[in-house]
Amino acid sequence: WRNDLPPGQHWFSLRLRGRAPRDATGAWGQLSCGGHTQTRQVKSAGSYLSASDSRLHFGLGDCGQVERVAIRWPDGSHQELGALPADQFLDVDQR
């Protein structure tokens, strides 16, 4: 595979870590950037005998500053983060 996209597009990745004894499987992450909102869910598998990356990856295009990240944890609690720079991996522990 070859990536022919022009350089300079932004991204953001979240790794959610739930409180013990639960992990973050089933949590939802919602990201707002440049007037657009994207939502992803933490999943543990994709098909029989497989596993998926548990990080939530967001493609941001030209948007270089994340305005808001909202997280809904599997136990129903919510957490919000304010303005964050793009192009980073961010680990978030459930409060």
PDB file of N, CA and C in Angstrom:
ATOM      1  N   TRP A   1       0.827  -1.176   0.000  1.00  0.00           N
ATOM      2  CA  TRP A   1       0.000   0.000   0.000  1.00  0.00           C
ATOM      3  C   TRP A   1       0.877   1.248   0.000  1.00  0.00           C
ATOM      4  N   ARG A   2       0.391   2.296  -0.654  1.00  0.00           N
ATOM      5  CA  ARG A   2       1.114   3.552  -0.717  1.00  0.00           C
ATOM      6  C   ARG A   2       0.159   4.699  -0.387  1.00  0.00           C
ATOM      7  N   ASN A   3       0.582   5.576   0.466  1.00  0.00           N
ATOM      8  CA  ASN A   3      -0.235   6.718   0.854  1.00  0.00           C
ATOM      9  C   ASN A   3       0.111   7.893  -0.059  1.00  0.00           C
ATOM     10  N   ASP A   4      -0.826   8.290  -0.901  1.00  0.00           N
ATOM     11  CA  ASP A   4      -0.603   9.389  -1.836  1.00  0.00           C
ATOM     12  C   ASP A   4      -1.234  10.703  -1.384  1.00  0.00           C
ATOM     13  N   LEU A   5      -1.630  10.791  -0.125  1.00  0.00           N
ATOM     14  CA  LEU A   5      -2.223  12.029   0.369  1.00  0.00           C
ATOM     15  C   LEU A   5      -1.134  13.087   0.566  1.00  0.00           C
ATOM     16  N   PRO A   6      -1.468  14.344   0.323  1.00  0.00           N
ATOM     17  CA  PRO A   6      -0.478  15.399   0.544  1.00  0.00           C
ATOM     18  C   PRO A   6      -0.176  15.525   2.030  1.00  0.00           C
ATOM     19  N   PRO A   7       1.050  15.892   2.395  1.00  0.00           N
ATOM     20  CA  PRO A   7       1.380  16.061   3.815  1.00  0.00           C
ATOM     21  C   PRO A   7       0.639  17.258   4.397  1.00  0.00           C
ATOM     22  N   GLY A   8       0.554  17.286   5.713  1.00  0.00           N
ATOM     23  CA  GLY A   8      -0.025  18.445   6.374  1.00  0.00           C
ATOM     24  C   GLY A   8      -1.425  18.249   6.906  1.00  0.00           C
ATOM     25  N   GLN A   9      -2.023  17.085   6.718  1.00  0.00           N
ATOM     26  CA  GLN A   9      -3.348  16.839   7.274  1.00  0.00           C
ATOM     27  C   GLN A   9      -3.210  16.463   8.749  1.00  0.00           C
ATOM     28  N   HIS A  10      -4.141  16.911   9.555  1.00  0.00           N
ATOM     29  CA  HIS A  10      -4.055  16.717  10.998  1.00  0.00           C
ATOM     30  C   HIS A  10      -4.868  15.513  11.460  1.00  0.00           C
ATOM     31  N   TRP A  11      -4.558  15.036  12.663  1.00  0.00           N
ATOM     32  CA  TRP A  11      -5.204  13.864  13.248  1.00  0.00           C
ATOM     33  C   TRP A  11      -5.180  14.003  14.762  1.00  0.00           C
ATOM     34  N   PHE A  12      -5.916  13.126  15.435  1.00  0.00           N
ATOM     35  CA  PHE A  12      -5.942  13.094  16.899  1.00  0.00           C
ATOM     36  C   PHE A  12      -6.309  11.677  17.314  1.00  0.00           C
ATOM     37  N   SER A  13      -5.639  11.156  18.330  1.00  0.00           N
ATOM     38  CA  SER A  13      -5.905   9.792  18.775  1.00  0.00           C
ATOM     39  C   SER A  13      -6.056   9.747  20.293  1.00  0.00           C
ATOM     40  N   LEU A  14      -7.097   9.052  20.757  1.00  0.00           N
ATOM     41  CA  LEU A  14      -7.374   8.915  22.193  1.00  0.00           C
ATOM     42  C   LEU A  14      -7.222   7.461  22.617  1.00  0.00           C
ATOM     43  N   ARG A  15      -6.580   7.246  23.746  1.00  0.00           N
ATOM     44  CA  ARG A  15      -6.606   5.926  24.381  1.00  0.00           C
ATOM     45  C   ARG A  15      -7.315   6.126  25.712  1.00  0.00           C
ATOM     46  N   LEU A  16      -8.463   5.490  25.856  1.00  0.00           N
ATOM     47  CA  LEU A  16      -9.266   5.630  27.063  1.00  0.00           C
ATOM     48  C   LEU A  16      -8.992   4.460  27.995  1.00  0.00           C
ATOM     49  N   ARG A  17      -8.807   4.773  29.276  1.00  0.00           N
ATOM     50  CA  ARG A  17      -8.553   3.737  30.280  1.00  0.00           C
ATOM     51  C   ARG A  17      -9.585   3.869  31.394  1.00  0.00           C
ATOM     52  N   GLY A  18     -10.459   2.860  31.485  1.00  0.00           N
ATOM     53  CA  GLY A  18     -11.510   2.864  32.492  1.00  0.00           C
ATOM     54  C   GLY A  18     -10.977   2.510  33.863  1.00  0.00           C
ATOM     55  N   ARG A  19     -11.801   2.764  34.872  1.00  0.00           N
ATOM     56  CA  ARG A  19     -11.450   2.404  36.247  1.00  0.00           C
ATOM     57  C   ARG A  19     -11.509   0.899  36.428  1.00  0.00           C
ATOM     58  N   ALA A  20     -10.576   0.344  37.205  1.00  0.00           N
ATOM     59  CA  ALA A  20     -10.571  -1.087  37.489  1.00  0.00           C
ATOM     60  C   ALA A  20     -11.864  -1.434  38.222  1.00  0.00           C
ATOM     61  N   PRO A  21     -12.456  -2.558  37.999  1.00  0.00           N
ATOM     62  CA  PRO A  21     -11.950  -3.684  37.213  1.00  0.00           C
ATOM     63  C   PRO A  21     -12.336  -3.614  35.742  1.00  0.00           C
ATOM     64  N   ARG A  22     -12.986  -2.539  35.294  1.00  0.00           N
ATOM     65  CA  ARG A  22     -13.439  -2.444  33.900  1.00  0.00           C
ATOM     66  C   ARG A  22     -12.388  -1.776  33.025  1.00  0.00           C
ATOM     67  N   ASP A  23     -12.379  -2.147  31.767  1.00  0.00           N
ATOM     68  CA  ASP A  23     -11.595  -1.375  30.813  1.00  0.00           C
ATOM     69  C   ASP A  23     -12.552  -0.397  30.129  1.00  0.00           C
ATOM     70  N   ALA A  24     -12.126   0.236  29.064  1.00  0.00           N
ATOM     71  CA  ALA A  24     -12.948   1.262  28.422  1.00  0.00           C
ATOM     72  C   ALA A  24     -13.785   0.713  27.271  1.00  0.00           C
ATOM     73  N   THR A  25     -13.833  -0.594  27.078  1.00  0.00           N
ATOM     74  CA  THR A  25     -14.633  -1.161  25.990  1.00  0.00           C
ATOM     75  C   THR A  25     -16.084  -0.714  26.135  1.00  0.00           C
ATOM     76  N   GLY A  26     -16.610  -0.140  25.071  1.00  0.00           N
ATOM     77  CA  GLY A  26     -17.974   0.376  25.085  1.00  0.00           C
ATOM     78  C   GLY A  26     -18.056   1.872  25.302  1.00  0.00           C
ATOM     79  N   ALA A  27     -16.952   2.515  25.667  1.00  0.00           N
ATOM     80  CA  ALA A  27     -16.947   3.965  25.857  1.00  0.00           C
ATOM     81  C   ALA A  27     -17.071   4.668  24.505  1.00  0.00           C
ATOM     82  N   TRP A  28     -17.627   5.861  24.528  1.00  0.00           N
ATOM     83  CA  TRP A  28     -17.770   6.681  23.328  1.00  0.00           C
ATOM     84  C   TRP A  28     -16.928   7.940  23.475  1.00  0.00           C
ATOM     85  N   GLY A  29     -16.227   8.312  22.408  1.00  0.00           N
ATOM     86  CA  GLY A  29     -15.484   9.561  22.365  1.00  0.00           C
ATOM     87  C   GLY A  29     -16.058  10.440  21.271  1.00  0.00           C
ATOM     88  N   GLN A  30     -16.289  11.701  21.589  1.00  0.00           N
ATOM     89  CA  GLN A  30     -16.808  12.652  20.610  1.00  0.00           C
ATOM     90  C   GLN A  30     -15.858  13.839  20.551  1.00  0.00           C
ATOM     91  N   LEU A  31     -15.423  14.194  19.352  1.00  0.00           N
ATOM     92  CA  LEU A  31     -14.436  15.248  19.151  1.00  0.00           C
ATOM     93  C   LEU A  31     -15.019  16.324  18.255  1.00  0.00           C
ATOM     94  N   SER A  32     -14.831  17.589  18.628  1.00  0.00           N
ATOM     95  CA  SER A  32     -15.269  18.720  17.813  1.00  0.00           C
ATOM     96  C   SER A  32     -14.044  19.503  17.361  1.00  0.00           C
ATOM     97  N   CYS A  33     -13.994  19.768  16.050  1.00  0.00           N
ATOM     98  CA  CYS A  33     -12.851  20.476  15.475  1.00  0.00           C
ATOM     99  C   CYS A  33     -13.292  21.188  14.205  1.00  0.00           C
ATOM    100  N   GLY A  34     -13.045  22.472  14.129  1.00  0.00           N
ATOM    101  CA  GLY A  34     -13.367  23.217  12.922  1.00  0.00           C
ATOM    102  C   GLY A  34     -14.833  23.198  12.547  1.00  0.00           C
ATOM    103  N   GLY A  35     -15.713  23.166  13.541  1.00  0.00           N
ATOM    104  CA  GLY A  35     -17.146  23.161  13.267  1.00  0.00           C
ATOM    105  C   GLY A  35     -17.719  21.794  12.935  1.00  0.00           C
ATOM    106  N   HIS A  36     -16.904  20.751  12.961  1.00  0.00           N
ATOM    107  CA  HIS A  36     -17.360  19.390  12.678  1.00  0.00           C
ATOM    108  C   HIS A  36     -17.234  18.542  13.934  1.00  0.00           C
ATOM    109  N   THR A  37     -18.122  17.569  14.071  1.00  0.00           N
ATOM    110  CA  THR A  37     -18.096  16.658  15.213  1.00  0.00           C
ATOM    111  C   THR A  37     -18.010  15.226  14.707  1.00  0.00           C
ATOM    112  N   GLN A  38     -17.117  14.447  15.324  1.00  0.00           N
ATOM    113  CA  GLN A  38     -16.953  13.027  14.994  1.00  0.00           C
ATOM    114  C   GLN A  38     -17.131  12.208  16.262  1.00  0.00           C
ATOM    115  N   THR A  39     -17.677  11.011  16.123  1.00  0.00           N
ATOM    116  CA  THR A  39     -17.904  10.127  17.261  1.00  0.00           C
ATOM    117  C   THR A  39     -17.323   8.752  16.956  1.00  0.00           C
ATOM    118  N   ARG A  40     -16.663   8.163  17.950  1.00  0.00           N
ATOM    119  CA  ARG A  40     -16.095   6.815  17.822  1.00  0.00           C
ATOM    120  C   ARG A  40     -16.397   6.031  19.103  1.00  0.00           C
ATOM    121  N   GLN A  41     -16.460   4.701  18.966  1.00  0.00           N
ATOM    122  CA  GLN A  41     -16.679   3.831  20.122  1.00  0.00           C
ATOM    123  C   GLN A  41     -15.490   2.896  20.291  1.00  0.00           C
ATOM    124  N   VAL A  42     -15.088   2.668  21.541  1.00  0.00           N
ATOM    125  CA  VAL A  42     -14.018   1.725  21.838  1.00  0.00           C
ATOM    126  C   VAL A  42     -14.578   0.318  21.673  1.00  0.00           C
ATOM    127  N   LYS A  43     -13.947  -0.452  20.796  1.00  0.00           N
ATOM    128  CA  LYS A  43     -14.361  -1.831  20.540  1.00  0.00           C
ATOM    129  C   LYS A  43     -13.178  -2.747  20.785  1.00  0.00           C
ATOM    130  N   SER A  44     -13.477  -3.971  21.160  1.00  0.00           N
ATOM    131  CA  SER A  44     -12.381  -4.902  21.451  1.00  0.00           C
ATOM    132  C   SER A  44     -12.132  -5.888  20.322  1.00  0.00           C
ATOM    133  N   ALA A  45     -13.077  -6.061  19.416  1.00  0.00           N
ATOM    134  CA  ALA A  45     -12.911  -7.059  18.357  1.00  0.00           C
ATOM    135  C   ALA A  45     -13.671  -6.628  17.116  1.00  0.00           C
ATOM    136  N   GLY A  46     -13.301  -7.232  15.997  1.00  0.00           N
ATOM    137  CA  GLY A  46     -13.978  -6.922  14.754  1.00  0.00           C
ATOM    138  C   GLY A  46     -14.677  -8.124  14.155  1.00  0.00           C
ATOM    139  N   SER A  47     -14.099  -9.267  14.313  1.00  0.00           N
ATOM    140  CA  SER A  47     -14.697 -10.498  13.805  1.00  0.00           C
ATOM    141  C   SER A  47     -14.092 -11.681  14.554  1.00  0.00           C
ATOM    142  N   TYR A  48     -14.430 -12.872  14.146  1.00  0.00           N
ATOM    143  CA  TYR A  48     -14.009 -14.088  14.826  1.00  0.00           C
ATOM    144  C   TYR A  48     -12.488 -14.163  14.975  1.00  0.00           C
ATOM    145  N   LEU A  49     -12.012 -14.366  16.188  1.00  0.00           N
ATOM    146  CA  LEU A  49     -10.597 -14.506  16.525  1.00  0.00           C
ATOM    147  C   LEU A  49      -9.748 -13.311  16.088  1.00  0.00           C
ATOM    148  N   SER A  50     -10.302 -12.121  16.201  1.00  0.00           N
ATOM    149  CA  SER A  50      -9.535 -10.928  15.838  1.00  0.00           C
ATOM    150  C   SER A  50      -9.648  -9.890  16.945  1.00  0.00           C
ATOM    151  N   ALA A  51      -8.808  -8.898  16.882  1.00  0.00           N
ATOM    152  CA  ALA A  51      -8.862  -7.787  17.826  1.00  0.00           C
ATOM    153  C   ALA A  51      -8.633  -6.494  17.057  1.00  0.00           C
ATOM    154  N   SER A  52      -9.209  -5.428  17.566  1.00  0.00           N
ATOM    155  CA  SER A  52      -9.061  -4.116  16.945  1.00  0.00           C
ATOM    156  C   SER A  52      -8.223  -3.231  17.851  1.00  0.00           C
ATOM    157  N   ASP A  53      -7.608  -2.233  17.267  1.00  0.00           N
ATOM    158  CA  ASP A  53      -6.896  -1.227  18.053  1.00  0.00           C
ATOM    159  C   ASP A  53      -7.932  -0.527  18.930  1.00  0.00           C
ATOM    160  N   SER A  54      -7.692  -0.450  20.212  1.00  0.00           N
ATOM    161  CA  SER A  54      -8.675   0.146  21.120  1.00  0.00           C
ATOM    162  C   SER A  54      -8.597   1.673  21.150  1.00  0.00           C
ATOM    163  N   ARG A  55      -7.592   2.253  20.499  1.00  0.00           N
ATOM    164  CA  ARG A  55      -7.513   3.712  20.448  1.00  0.00           C
ATOM    165  C   ARG A  55      -8.585   4.257  19.501  1.00  0.00           C
ATOM    166  N   LEU A  56      -9.018   5.467  19.764  1.00  0.00           N
ATOM    167  CA  LEU A  56      -9.981   6.148  18.902  1.00  0.00           C
ATOM    168  C   LEU A  56      -9.202   7.144  18.042  1.00  0.00           C
ATOM    169  N   HIS A  57      -9.240   6.951  16.732  1.00  0.00           N
ATOM    170  CA  HIS A  57      -8.472   7.794  15.824  1.00  0.00           C
ATOM    171  C   HIS A  57      -9.424   8.698  15.046  1.00  0.00           C
ATOM    172  N   PHE A  58      -9.080   9.987  14.992  1.00  0.00           N
ATOM    173  CA  PHE A  58      -9.889  10.978  14.296  1.00  0.00           C
ATOM    174  C   PHE A  58      -9.044  11.679  13.246  1.00  0.00           C
ATOM    175  N   GLY A  59      -9.498  11.708  12.016  1.00  0.00           N
ATOM    176  CA  GLY A  59      -8.860  12.488  10.964  1.00  0.00           C
ATOM    177  C   GLY A  59      -9.424  13.898  10.989  1.00  0.00           C
ATOM    178  N   LEU A  60      -8.550  14.908  11.042  1.00  0.00           N
ATOM    179  CA  LEU A  60      -8.995  16.287  11.220  1.00  0.00           C
ATOM    180  C   LEU A  60      -8.828  17.165   9.989  1.00  0.00           C
ATOM    181  N   GLY A  61      -8.182  16.671   8.957  1.00  0.00           N
ATOM    182  CA  GLY A  61      -7.978  17.490   7.763  1.00  0.00           C
ATOM    183  C   GLY A  61      -7.149  18.724   8.075  1.00  0.00           C
ATOM    184  N   ASP A  62      -7.668  19.901   7.747  1.00  0.00           N
ATOM    185  CA  ASP A  62      -6.945  21.163   7.951  1.00  0.00           C
ATOM    186  C   ASP A  62      -7.068  21.721   9.362  1.00  0.00           C
ATOM    187  N   CYS A  63      -7.898  21.123  10.197  1.00  0.00           N
ATOM    188  CA  CYS A  63      -8.138  21.634  11.552  1.00  0.00           C
ATOM    189  C   CYS A  63      -6.959  21.283  12.465  1.00  0.00           C
ATOM    190  N   GLY A  64      -6.276  22.284  13.001  1.00  0.00           N
ATOM    191  CA  GLY A  64      -5.085  22.053  13.815  1.00  0.00           C
ATOM    192  C   GLY A  64      -5.299  22.194  15.309  1.00  0.00           C
ATOM    193  N   GLN A  65      -6.531  22.511  15.740  1.00  0.00           N
ATOM    194  CA  GLN A  65      -6.825  22.697  17.163  1.00  0.00           C
ATOM    195  C   GLN A  65      -8.166  22.032  17.477  1.00  0.00           C
ATOM    196  N   VAL A  66      -8.142  21.041  18.359  1.00  0.00           N
ATOM    197  CA  VAL A  66      -9.367  20.374  18.789  1.00  0.00           C
ATOM    198  C   VAL A  66     -10.081  21.293  19.776  1.00  0.00           C
ATOM    199  N   GLU A  67     -11.351  21.546  19.527  1.00  0.00           N
ATOM    200  CA  GLU A  67     -12.108  22.457  20.390  1.00  0.00           C
ATOM    201  C   GLU A  67     -12.608  21.759  21.653  1.00  0.00           C
ATOM    202  N   ARG A  68     -13.053  20.500  21.509  1.00  0.00           N
ATOM    203  CA  ARG A  68     -13.648  19.810  22.656  1.00  0.00           C
ATOM    204  C   ARG A  68     -13.603  18.308  22.426  1.00  0.00           C
ATOM    205  N   VAL A  69     -13.345  17.571  23.503  1.00  0.00           N
ATOM    206  CA  VAL A  69     -13.448  16.113  23.501  1.00  0.00           C
ATOM    207  C   VAL A  69     -14.405  15.736  24.628  1.00  0.00           C
ATOM    208  N   ALA A  70     -15.456  14.996  24.290  1.00  0.00           N
ATOM    209  CA  ALA A  70     -16.417  14.524  25.290  1.00  0.00           C
ATOM    210  C   ALA A  70     -16.347  13.001  25.323  1.00  0.00           C
ATOM    211  N   ILE A  71     -16.341  12.434  26.515  1.00  0.00           N
ATOM    212  CA  ILE A  71     -16.230  10.984  26.681  1.00  0.00           C
ATOM    213  C   ILE A  71     -17.412  10.502  27.511  1.00  0.00           C
ATOM    214  N   ARG A  72     -18.083   9.470  27.036  1.00  0.00           N
ATOM    215  CA  ARG A  72     -19.118   8.791  27.823  1.00  0.00           C
ATOM    216  C   ARG A  72     -18.596   7.403  28.146  1.00  0.00           C
ATOM    217  N   TRP A  73     -18.340   7.155  29.421  1.00  0.00           N
ATOM    218  CA  TRP A  73     -17.763   5.894  29.875  1.00  0.00           C
ATOM    219  C   TRP A  73     -18.838   4.810  29.957  1.00  0.00           C
ATOM    220  N   PRO A  74     -18.435   3.538  29.959  1.00  0.00           N
ATOM    221  CA  PRO A  74     -19.416   2.447  29.994  1.00  0.00           C
ATOM    222  C   PRO A  74     -20.345   2.475  31.210  1.00  0.00           C
ATOM    223  N   ASP A  75     -19.911   3.057  32.325  1.00  0.00           N
ATOM    224  CA  ASP A  75     -20.775   3.116  33.512  1.00  0.00           C
ATOM    225  C   ASP A  75     -21.755   4.284  33.461  1.00  0.00           C
ATOM    226  N   GLY A  76     -21.734   5.064  32.354  1.00  0.00           N
ATOM    227  CA  GLY A  76     -22.662   6.182  32.184  1.00  0.00           C
ATOM    228  C   GLY A  76     -22.108   7.531  32.584  1.00  0.00           C
ATOM    229  N   SER A  77     -20.943   7.573  33.212  1.00  0.00           N
ATOM    230  CA  SER A  77     -20.357   8.865  33.599  1.00  0.00           C
ATOM    231  C   SER A  77     -19.787   9.575  32.369  1.00  0.00           C
ATOM    232  N   HIS A  78     -19.646  10.891  32.484  1.00  0.00           N
ATOM    233  CA  HIS A  78     -19.154  11.727  31.387  1.00  0.00           C
ATOM    234  C   HIS A  78     -17.905  12.479  31.822  1.00  0.00           C
ATOM    235  N   GLN A  79     -17.089  12.817  30.845  1.00  0.00           N
ATOM    236  CA  GLN A  79     -15.870  13.582  31.090  1.00  0.00           C
ATOM    237  C   GLN A  79     -15.640  14.466  29.861  1.00  0.00           C
ATOM    238  N   GLU A  80     -15.205  15.700  30.067  1.00  0.00           N
ATOM    239  CA  GLU A  80     -14.933  16.608  28.947  1.00  0.00           C
ATOM    240  C   GLU A  80     -13.547  17.212  29.073  1.00  0.00           C
ATOM    241  N   LEU A  81     -12.930  17.423  27.917  1.00  0.00           N
ATOM    242  CA  LEU A  81     -11.631  18.076  27.826  1.00  0.00           C
ATOM    243  C   LEU A  81     -11.787  19.277  26.913  1.00  0.00           C
ATOM    244  N   GLY A  82     -11.074  20.356  27.227  1.00  0.00           N
ATOM    245  CA  GLY A  82     -11.162  21.575  26.434  1.00  0.00           C
ATOM    246  C   GLY A  82     -10.203  21.577  25.261  1.00  0.00           C
ATOM    247  N   ALA A  83      -9.781  22.750  24.853  1.00  0.00           N
ATOM    248  CA  ALA A  83      -8.937  22.943  23.685  1.00  0.00           C
ATOM    249  C   ALA A  83      -7.629  22.155  23.788  1.00  0.00           C
ATOM    250  N   LEU A  84      -7.328  21.416  22.722  1.00  0.00           N
ATOM    251  CA  LEU A  84      -6.119  20.585  22.668  1.00  0.00           C
ATOM    252  C   LEU A  84      -5.489  20.700  21.290  1.00  0.00           C
ATOM    253  N   PRO A  85      -4.161  20.691  21.205  1.00  0.00           N
ATOM    254  CA  PRO A  85      -3.528  20.709  19.889  1.00  0.00           C
ATOM    255  C   PRO A  85      -3.743  19.381  19.165  1.00  0.00           C
ATOM    256  N   ALA A  86      -3.821  19.445  17.853  1.00  0.00           N
ATOM    257  CA  ALA A  86      -3.973  18.248  17.022  1.00  0.00           C
ATOM    258  C   ALA A  86      -2.641  17.498  16.942  1.00  0.00           C
ATOM    259  N   ASP A  87      -2.645  16.382  16.225  1.00  0.00           N
ATOM    260  CA  ASP A  87      -1.439  15.591  15.941  1.00  0.00           C
ATOM    261  C   ASP A  87      -0.795  15.028  17.204  1.00  0.00           C
ATOM    262  N   GLN A  88      -1.605  14.398  18.044  1.00  0.00           N
ATOM    263  CA  GLN A  88      -1.061  13.798  19.255  1.00  0.00           C
ATOM    264  C   GLN A  88      -1.861  12.556  19.646  1.00  0.00           C
ATOM    265  N   PHE A  89      -1.179  11.686  20.382  1.00  0.00           N
ATOM    266  CA  PHE A  89      -1.807  10.561  21.052  1.00  0.00           C
ATOM    267  C   PHE A  89      -2.053  11.007  22.489  1.00  0.00           C
ATOM    268  N   LEU A  90      -3.284  10.908  22.952  1.00  0.00           N
ATOM    269  CA  LEU A  90      -3.630  11.343  24.296  1.00  0.00           C
ATOM    270  C   LEU A  90      -4.228  10.190  25.079  1.00  0.00           C
ATOM    271  N   ASP A  91      -3.679   9.903  26.258  1.00  0.00           N
ATOM    272  CA  ASP A  91      -4.214   8.888  27.163  1.00  0.00           C
ATOM    273  C   ASP A  91      -5.116   9.584  28.168  1.00  0.00           C
ATOM    274  N   VAL A  92      -6.342   9.068  28.336  1.00  0.00           N
ATOM    275  CA  VAL A  92      -7.290   9.651  29.285  1.00  0.00           C
ATOM    276  C   VAL A  92      -7.746   8.565  30.246  1.00  0.00           C
ATOM    277  N   ASP A  93      -7.531   8.811  31.540  1.00  0.00           N
ATOM    278  CA  ASP A  93      -7.987   7.902  32.587  1.00  0.00           C
ATOM    279  C   ASP A  93      -9.350   8.360  33.078  1.00  0.00           C
ATOM    280  N   GLN A  94     -10.232   7.400  33.292  1.00  0.00           N
ATOM    281  CA  GLN A  94     -11.556   7.735  33.820  1.00  0.00           C
ATOM    282  C   GLN A  94     -11.416   8.305  35.220  1.00  0.00           C
ATOM    283  N   ARG A  95     -12.151   9.391  35.485  1.00  0.00           N
ATOM    284  CA  ARG A  95     -12.119  10.021  36.824  1.00  0.00           C
ATOM    285  C   ARG A  95     -13.083   9.355  37.736  1.00  0.00           C
TER     286      ARG A  95
END
